[in-house]
Amino acid sequence: MKMLKHASIVAMIAALVGCGHGFEGEYQRTTSTPLLDALGVQTGTLVIGDDYIESEGKRTEFEEIFVRESGSEKYLVLKDKNAEEEAWKIVDEKTLIQKNGLINVTLKRTK
């Protein structure tokens, strides 16, 4: 009985460790417009955690960050405490695209 209890605890811990969206890390931001890159608009680093993002020393916490599949596309969805969502397109395991009106911000994982 004790062995079964220990095995179930180990299984739960392993499951919790595996619970992440897979996009945690540090990203470099660049825009779709070289002129804006030259001016330093929307560039720099961004850190994505399990339930937060950090940029320029400011941390924004989210209720949940998860991956959503929509047709053949995948999106990293940031859901805030008010249940509002922002979706960033997943290009590959190291690249995200954040659409801001006419400007696209590309996030490339560096760490």
C-alpha atoms as a PDB file:
ATOM      1  CA  MET A   1       0.000   0.000   0.000  1.00  0.00           C
ATOM      2  CA  LYS A   2       2.822   2.373   0.892  1.00  0.00           C
ATOM      3  CA  MET A   3       4.539   1.582  -2.418  1.00  0.00           C
ATOM      4  CA  LEU A   4       1.354   2.412  -4.342  1.00  0.00           C
ATOM      5  CA  LYS A   5       1.043   5.729  -2.488  1.00  0.00           C
ATOM      6  CA  HIS A   6       4.652   6.681  -3.303  1.00  0.00           C
ATOM      7  CA  ALA A   7       4.220   5.668  -6.943  1.00  0.00           C
ATOM      8  CA  SER A   8       1.116   7.840  -7.299  1.00  0.00           C
ATOM      9  CA  ILE A   9       2.907  10.832  -5.733  1.00  0.00           C
ATOM     10  CA  VAL A  10       5.837  10.421  -8.137  1.00  0.00           C
ATOM     11  CA  ALA A  11       3.408  10.187 -11.078  1.00  0.00           C
ATOM     12  CA  MET A  12       1.620  13.384  -9.996  1.00  0.00           C
ATOM     13  CA  ILE A  13       4.905  15.276  -9.646  1.00  0.00           C
ATOM     14  CA  ALA A  14       6.041  14.094 -13.082  1.00  0.00           C
ATOM     15  CA  ALA A  15       2.735  15.227 -14.585  1.00  0.00           C
ATOM     16  CA  LEU A  16       3.004  18.672 -12.988  1.00  0.00           C
ATOM     17  CA  VAL A  17       6.575  19.144 -14.166  1.00  0.00           C
ATOM     18  CA  GLY A  18       5.397  18.412 -17.702  1.00  0.00           C
ATOM     19  CA  CYS A  19       2.602  20.993 -17.469  1.00  0.00           C
ATOM     20  CA  GLY A  20       3.842  23.947 -19.439  1.00  0.00           C
ATOM     21  CA  HIS A  21       3.049  25.525 -22.740  1.00  0.00           C
ATOM     22  CA  GLY A  22       6.557  24.807 -24.067  1.00  0.00           C
ATOM     23  CA  PHE A  23       7.387  28.401 -25.004  1.00  0.00           C
ATOM     24  CA  GLU A  24       9.006  29.504 -21.745  1.00  0.00           C
ATOM     25  CA  GLY A  25      12.237  31.391 -22.361  1.00  0.00           C
ATOM     26  CA  GLU A  26      13.846  34.618 -23.516  1.00  0.00           C
ATOM     27  CA  TYR A  27      12.924  36.100 -26.897  1.00  0.00           C
ATOM     28  CA  GLN A  28      14.361  38.868 -29.075  1.00  0.00           C
ATOM     29  CA  ARG A  29      11.716  41.140 -30.626  1.00  0.00           C
ATOM     30  CA  THR A  30      11.965  42.619 -34.119  1.00  0.00           C
ATOM     31  CA  THR A  31       9.330  44.371 -36.220  1.00  0.00           C
ATOM     32  CA  SER A  32       8.217  43.791 -39.792  1.00  0.00           C
ATOM     33  CA  THR A  33       9.407  47.305 -40.653  1.00  0.00           C
ATOM     34  CA  PRO A  34      13.190  47.923 -40.722  1.00  0.00           C
ATOM     35  CA  LEU A  35      12.632  51.649 -40.082  1.00  0.00           C
ATOM     36  CA  LEU A  36      10.858  50.892 -36.799  1.00  0.00           C
ATOM     37  CA  ASP A  37      13.657  48.477 -35.848  1.00  0.00           C
ATOM     38  CA  ALA A  38      16.173  51.270 -36.479  1.00  0.00           C
ATOM     39  CA  LEU A  39      14.154  53.601 -34.249  1.00  0.00           C
ATOM     40  CA  GLY A  40      13.995  50.954 -31.509  1.00  0.00           C
ATOM     41  CA  VAL A  41      10.220  50.640 -31.566  1.00  0.00           C
ATOM     42  CA  GLN A  42       8.914  47.337 -30.151  1.00  0.00           C
ATOM     43  CA  THR A  43      12.363  45.766 -30.026  1.00  0.00           C
ATOM     44  CA  GLY A  44      14.367  44.309 -27.175  1.00  0.00           C
ATOM     45  CA  THR A  45      13.982  41.186 -25.124  1.00  0.00           C
ATOM     46  CA  LEU A  46      10.884  39.562 -23.718  1.00  0.00           C
ATOM     47  CA  VAL A  47      10.760  36.724 -21.193  1.00  0.00           C
ATOM     48  CA  ILE A  48       7.856  34.280 -21.296  1.00  0.00           C
ATOM     49  CA  GLY A  49       7.230  32.252 -18.136  1.00  0.00           C
ATOM     50  CA  ASP A  50       4.602  29.688 -17.184  1.00  0.00           C
ATOM     51  CA  ASP A  51       1.997  32.372 -16.448  1.00  0.00           C
ATOM     52  CA  TYR A  52       3.711  35.728 -17.063  1.00  0.00           C
ATOM     53  CA  ILE A  53       5.718  37.829 -19.505  1.00  0.00           C
ATOM     54  CA  GLU A  54       8.465  40.293 -18.583  1.00  0.00           C
ATOM     55  CA  SER A  55       9.581  43.213 -20.715  1.00  0.00           C
ATOM     56  CA  GLU A  56      11.740  46.196 -19.759  1.00  0.00           C
ATOM     57  CA  GLY A  57      11.633  45.180 -16.090  1.00  0.00           C
ATOM     58  CA  LYS A  58       7.829  45.011 -15.986  1.00  0.00           C
ATOM     59  CA  ARG A  59       6.098  41.700 -15.263  1.00  0.00           C
ATOM     60  CA  THR A  60       2.577  41.058 -16.502  1.00  0.00           C
ATOM     61  CA  GLU A  61       0.878  38.029 -14.978  1.00  0.00           C
ATOM     62  CA  PHE A  62      -1.776  35.990 -16.755  1.00  0.00           C
ATOM     63  CA  GLU A  63      -4.426  33.608 -15.543  1.00  0.00           C
ATOM     64  CA  GLU A  64      -3.175  31.117 -18.103  1.00  0.00           C
ATOM     65  CA  ILE A  65      -0.816  30.808 -21.062  1.00  0.00           C
ATOM     66  CA  PHE A  66      -1.527  27.875 -23.356  1.00  0.00           C
ATOM     67  CA  VAL A  67      -1.335  26.601 -26.940  1.00  0.00           C
ATOM     68  CA  ARG A  68      -4.506  26.575 -29.046  1.00  0.00           C
ATOM     69  CA  GLU A  69      -4.894  24.824 -32.379  1.00  0.00           C
ATOM     70  CA  SER A  70      -7.170  26.489 -34.919  1.00  0.00           C
ATOM     71  CA  GLY A  71      -7.349  24.583 -38.179  1.00  0.00           C
ATOM     72  CA  SER A  72      -3.791  24.024 -39.346  1.00  0.00           C
ATOM     73  CA  GLU A  73      -2.425  26.958 -37.292  1.00  0.00           C
ATOM     74  CA  LYS A  74      -1.222  27.045 -33.682  1.00  0.00           C
ATOM     75  CA  TYR A  75      -1.331  30.037 -31.346  1.00  0.00           C
ATOM     76  CA  LEU A  76       0.170  30.870 -27.979  1.00  0.00           C
ATOM     77  CA  VAL A  77      -2.784  32.322 -26.067  1.00  0.00           C
ATOM     78  CA  LEU A  78      -2.318  34.703 -23.131  1.00  0.00           C
ATOM     79  CA  LYS A  79      -5.502  34.830 -21.035  1.00  0.00           C
ATOM     80  CA  ASP A  80      -5.679  37.563 -18.384  1.00  0.00           C
ATOM     81  CA  LYS A  81      -7.605  37.696 -15.107  1.00  0.00           C
ATOM     82  CA  ASN A  82     -10.616  39.233 -16.925  1.00  0.00           C
ATOM     83  CA  ALA A  83     -10.759  36.269 -19.356  1.00  0.00           C
ATOM     84  CA  GLU A  84      -9.570  38.469 -22.240  1.00  0.00           C
ATOM     85  CA  GLU A  85      -7.220  36.721 -24.639  1.00  0.00           C
ATOM     86  CA  GLU A  86      -4.347  37.720 -26.881  1.00  0.00           C
ATOM     87  CA  ALA A  87      -3.112  35.155 -29.407  1.00  0.00           C
ATOM     88  CA  TRP A  88       0.375  35.044 -30.933  1.00  0.00           C
ATOM     89  CA  LYS A  89       0.892  32.872 -34.000  1.00  0.00           C
ATOM     90  CA  ILE A  90       3.340  29.991 -33.548  1.00  0.00           C
ATOM     91  CA  VAL A  91       5.617  29.736 -36.590  1.00  0.00           C
ATOM     92  CA  ASP A  92       7.876  27.029 -35.149  1.00  0.00           C
ATOM     93  CA  GLU A  93       9.222  25.987 -31.741  1.00  0.00           C
ATOM     94  CA  LYS A  94      11.486  29.065 -31.585  1.00  0.00           C
ATOM     95  CA  THR A  95       9.432  31.727 -33.398  1.00  0.00           C
ATOM     96  CA  LEU A  96       6.215  33.584 -32.526  1.00  0.00           C
ATOM     97  CA  ILE A  97       4.467  36.409 -34.388  1.00  0.00           C
ATOM     98  CA  GLN A  98       2.502  39.080 -32.528  1.00  0.00           C
ATOM     99  CA  LYS A  99       0.201  41.072 -34.830  1.00  0.00           C
ATOM    100  CA  ASN A 100      -0.344  44.718 -33.856  1.00  0.00           C
ATOM    101  CA  GLY A 101      -2.535  46.212 -36.562  1.00  0.00           C
ATOM    102  CA  LEU A 102      -0.310  46.890 -39.566  1.00  0.00           C
ATOM    103  CA  ILE A 103       2.887  45.938 -37.743  1.00  0.00           C
ATOM    104  CA  ASN A 104       3.984  42.382 -37.021  1.00  0.00           C
ATOM    105  CA  VAL A 105       6.411  41.782 -34.167  1.00  0.00           C
ATOM    106  CA  THR A 106       8.520  38.638 -34.540  1.00  0.00           C
ATOM    107  CA  LEU A 107       9.764  36.967 -31.371  1.00  0.00           C
ATOM    108  CA  LYS A 108      12.793  34.640 -31.774  1.00  0.00           C
ATOM    109  CA  ARG A 109      13.804  32.478 -28.808  1.00  0.00           C
ATOM    110  CA  THR A 110      17.371  33.151 -27.664  1.00  0.00           C
ATOM    111  CA  LYS A 111      17.454  31.118 -24.421  1.00  0.00           C
END
